[in-house]
C-alpha atoms as a PDB file:
ATOM      1  CA  MET A   1     -24.412  33.254   0.164  1.00  0.00           C
ATOM      2  CA  LEU A   2     -26.569  32.809   3.271  1.00  0.00           C
ATOM      3  CA  TYR A   3     -28.228  29.734   1.778  1.00  0.00           C
ATOM      4  CA  ILE A   4     -24.803  27.966   1.347  1.00  0.00           C
ATOM      5  CA  ASN A   5     -23.899  28.682   4.987  1.00  0.00           C
ATOM      6  CA  GLU A   6     -27.242  27.231   6.113  1.00  0.00           C
ATOM      7  CA  ILE A   7     -26.628  24.046   4.193  1.00  0.00           C
ATOM      8  CA  TYR A   8     -23.080  23.383   5.446  1.00  0.00           C
ATOM      9  CA  PHE A   9     -23.159  24.793   8.953  1.00  0.00           C
ATOM     10  CA  ASP A  10     -26.641  23.867   9.980  1.00  0.00           C
ATOM     11  CA  MET A  11     -25.756  20.169  10.180  1.00  0.00           C
ATOM     12  CA  ASN A  12     -25.632  18.907  13.733  1.00  0.00           C
ATOM     13  CA  LYS A  13     -22.870  16.618  15.038  1.00  0.00           C
ATOM     14  CA  LYS A  14     -24.911  13.439  14.811  1.00  0.00           C
ATOM     15  CA  LYS A  15     -25.758  13.954  11.142  1.00  0.00           C
ATOM     16  CA  PHE A  16     -22.138  14.850  10.407  1.00  0.00           C
ATOM     17  CA  LEU A  17     -20.813  11.674  12.038  1.00  0.00           C
ATOM     18  CA  LYS A  18     -23.456   9.532  10.335  1.00  0.00           C
ATOM     19  CA  LYS A  19     -22.515  10.991   6.972  1.00  0.00           C
ATOM     20  CA  PHE A  20     -18.798  10.613   7.736  1.00  0.00           C
ATOM     21  CA  TYR A  21     -18.931   6.978   8.874  1.00  0.00           C
ATOM     22  CA  PHE A  22     -21.372   5.699   6.304  1.00  0.00           C
ATOM     23  CA  ARG A  23     -20.312   7.615   3.224  1.00  0.00           C
ATOM     24  CA  THR A  24     -16.801   9.005   3.440  1.00  0.00           C
ATOM     25  CA  ILE A  25     -14.927   6.160   5.113  1.00  0.00           C
ATOM     26  CA  PRO A  26     -16.300   3.364   2.866  1.00  0.00           C
ATOM     27  CA  ILE A  27     -15.609   5.430  -0.246  1.00  0.00           C
ATOM     28  CA  PHE A  28     -12.031   6.080   0.943  1.00  0.00           C
ATOM     29  CA  LEU A  29     -11.430   2.391   1.749  1.00  0.00           C
ATOM     30  CA  LEU A  30     -12.815   1.283  -1.585  1.00  0.00           C
ATOM     31  CA  GLY A  31     -10.642   3.769  -3.429  1.00  0.00           C
ATOM     32  CA  PHE A  32      -7.565   2.771  -1.453  1.00  0.00           C
ATOM     33  CA  SER A  33      -8.196  -0.929  -2.110  1.00  0.00           C
ATOM     34  CA  LEU A  34      -8.769  -0.426  -5.839  1.00  0.00           C
ATOM     35  CA  GLY A  35      -5.629   1.706  -6.041  1.00  0.00           C
ATOM     36  CA  VAL A  36      -3.465  -0.953  -4.369  1.00  0.00           C
ATOM     37  CA  PHE A  37      -4.892  -3.666  -6.595  1.00  0.00           C
ATOM     38  CA  ALA A  38      -4.266  -1.504  -9.675  1.00  0.00           C
ATOM     39  CA  ILE A  39      -0.635  -0.828  -8.731  1.00  0.00           C
ATOM     40  CA  TRP A  40       0.205  -4.310  -7.485  1.00  0.00           C
ATOM     41  CA  PRO A  41      -2.087  -6.818  -9.248  1.00  0.00           C
ATOM     42  CA  GLY A  42      -0.143  -9.747  -7.814  1.00  0.00           C
ATOM     43  CA  ILE A  43      -1.080  -8.857  -4.216  1.00  0.00           C
ATOM     44  CA  ILE A  44      -4.102 -11.106  -4.502  1.00  0.00           C
ATOM     45  CA  SER A  45      -2.067 -14.298  -5.111  1.00  0.00           C
ATOM     46  CA  GLY A  46      -0.694 -16.162  -2.149  1.00  0.00           C
ATOM     47  CA  ASN A  47       2.746 -16.813  -3.698  1.00  0.00           C
ATOM     48  CA  SER A  48       3.420 -13.111  -4.123  1.00  0.00           C
ATOM     49  CA  ARG A  49       2.503 -12.296  -0.542  1.00  0.00           C
ATOM     50  CA  LYS A  50       4.653 -15.187   0.657  1.00  0.00           C
ATOM     51  CA  CYS A  51       7.583 -13.788  -1.375  1.00  0.00           C
ATOM     52  CA  PHE A  52       7.103 -10.320   0.163  1.00  0.00           C
ATOM     53  CA  PHE A  53       6.860 -11.575   3.764  1.00  0.00           C
ATOM     54  CA  ASP A  54       9.730 -14.006   3.417  1.00  0.00           C
ATOM     55  CA  ILE A  55      12.002 -11.226   2.172  1.00  0.00           C
ATOM     56  CA  LEU A  56      10.934  -8.915   4.974  1.00  0.00           C
ATOM     57  CA  LYS A  57      11.374 -11.609   7.581  1.00  0.00           C
ATOM     58  CA  ASP A  58      14.740 -12.718   6.256  1.00  0.00           C
ATOM     59  CA  GLY A  59      16.138  -9.207   5.952  1.00  0.00           C
ATOM     60  CA  SER A  60      14.854  -7.929   9.275  1.00  0.00           C
ATOM     61  CA  ASP A  61      17.799  -9.227  11.259  1.00  0.00           C
ATOM     62  CA  GLY A  62      20.379  -7.797   8.855  1.00  0.00           C
ATOM     63  CA  ASP A  63      21.492 -11.117   7.392  1.00  0.00           C
ATOM     64  CA  ILE A  64      20.075 -12.103   4.036  1.00  0.00           C
ATOM     65  CA  LYS A  65      20.279 -15.624   2.646  1.00  0.00           C
ATOM     66  CA  PHE A  66      21.566 -16.175  -0.893  1.00  0.00           C
ATOM     67  CA  LYS A  67      18.293 -17.862  -1.816  1.00  0.00           C
ATOM     68  CA  THR A  68      16.397 -14.695  -0.893  1.00  0.00           C
ATOM     69  CA  ILE A  69      18.704 -12.578  -3.025  1.00  0.00           C
ATOM     70  CA  LEU A  70      18.113 -14.823  -6.006  1.00  0.00           C
ATOM     71  CA  SER A  71      14.320 -14.499  -5.614  1.00  0.00           C
ATOM     72  CA  VAL A  72      14.489 -10.760  -6.491  1.00  0.00           C
ATOM     73  CA  LYS A  73      15.299  -9.623  -9.990  1.00  0.00           C
ATOM     74  CA  PRO A  74      18.724  -7.906 -10.354  1.00  0.00           C
ATOM     75  CA  ASN A  75      17.394  -4.565 -11.552  1.00  0.00           C
ATOM     76  CA  TYR A  76      15.244  -4.335  -8.417  1.00  0.00           C
ATOM     77  CA  LEU A  77      18.225  -5.258  -6.228  1.00  0.00           C
ATOM     78  CA  LEU A  78      20.249  -2.366  -7.662  1.00  0.00           C
ATOM     79  CA  LYS A  79      17.341   0.055  -7.179  1.00  0.00           C
ATOM     80  CA  ILE A  80      16.736  -1.113  -3.593  1.00  0.00           C
ATOM     81  CA  LYS A  81      20.452  -0.898  -2.728  1.00  0.00           C
ATOM     82  CA  ASN A  82      20.808   2.666  -4.053  1.00  0.00           C
ATOM     83  CA  GLU A  83      17.639   4.008  -2.400  1.00  0.00           C
ATOM     84  CA  LYS A  84      18.070   5.923   0.848  1.00  0.00           C
ATOM     85  CA  ASN A  85      14.391   6.192   1.832  1.00  0.00           C
ATOM     86  CA  LYS A  86      13.097   3.118   3.718  1.00  0.00           C
ATOM     87  CA  TYR A  87       9.543   3.698   2.479  1.00  0.00           C
ATOM     88  CA  LEU A  88      10.657   3.593  -1.172  1.00  0.00           C
ATOM     89  CA  LYS A  89      12.712   0.454  -0.415  1.00  0.00           C
ATOM     90  CA  ILE A  90       9.569  -1.304   0.716  1.00  0.00           C
ATOM     91  CA  LEU A  91       7.700  -0.038  -2.366  1.00  0.00           C
ATOM     92  CA  LEU A  92      10.463  -1.408  -4.627  1.00  0.00           C
ATOM     93  CA  LEU A  93      10.389  -4.693  -2.705  1.00  0.00           C
ATOM     94  CA  GLY A  94       6.623  -4.861  -3.265  1.00  0.00           C
ATOM     95  CA  ASP A  95       7.138  -4.163  -6.933  1.00  0.00           C
ATOM     96  CA  SER A  96       9.571  -7.062  -7.209  1.00  0.00           C
ATOM     97  CA  CYS A  97       7.131  -9.519  -5.629  1.00  0.00           C
ATOM     98  CA  PHE A  98       3.727  -8.271  -6.747  1.00  0.00           C
ATOM     99  CA  ARG A  99       4.350  -7.178 -10.319  1.00  0.00           C
ATOM    100  CA  ASN A 100       4.981  -9.912 -12.865  1.00  0.00           C
ATOM    101  CA  PHE A 101       7.090  -8.434 -15.647  1.00  0.00           C
END
């Protein structure tokens, strides 16, 4: 038991920060990026990002153009309308632009 405490608690602050910045953060960023690409494969293409930002920009003032409504599939429109959580609305909006079903 004493040996385990020596390994984990004997590390000085400089070694800890070095390990944290050069191992933990890059692994976290890589995992996050791969997760986003796995969930939304269309995020890489420019047209999908343009669709997402156009819808966000058009709907930010409260008025949505008819052309914008037609760019989203009807089943996603119903899901977005019925959702109360704003975070989930953005996820559904991302699904409608970045996933090609």
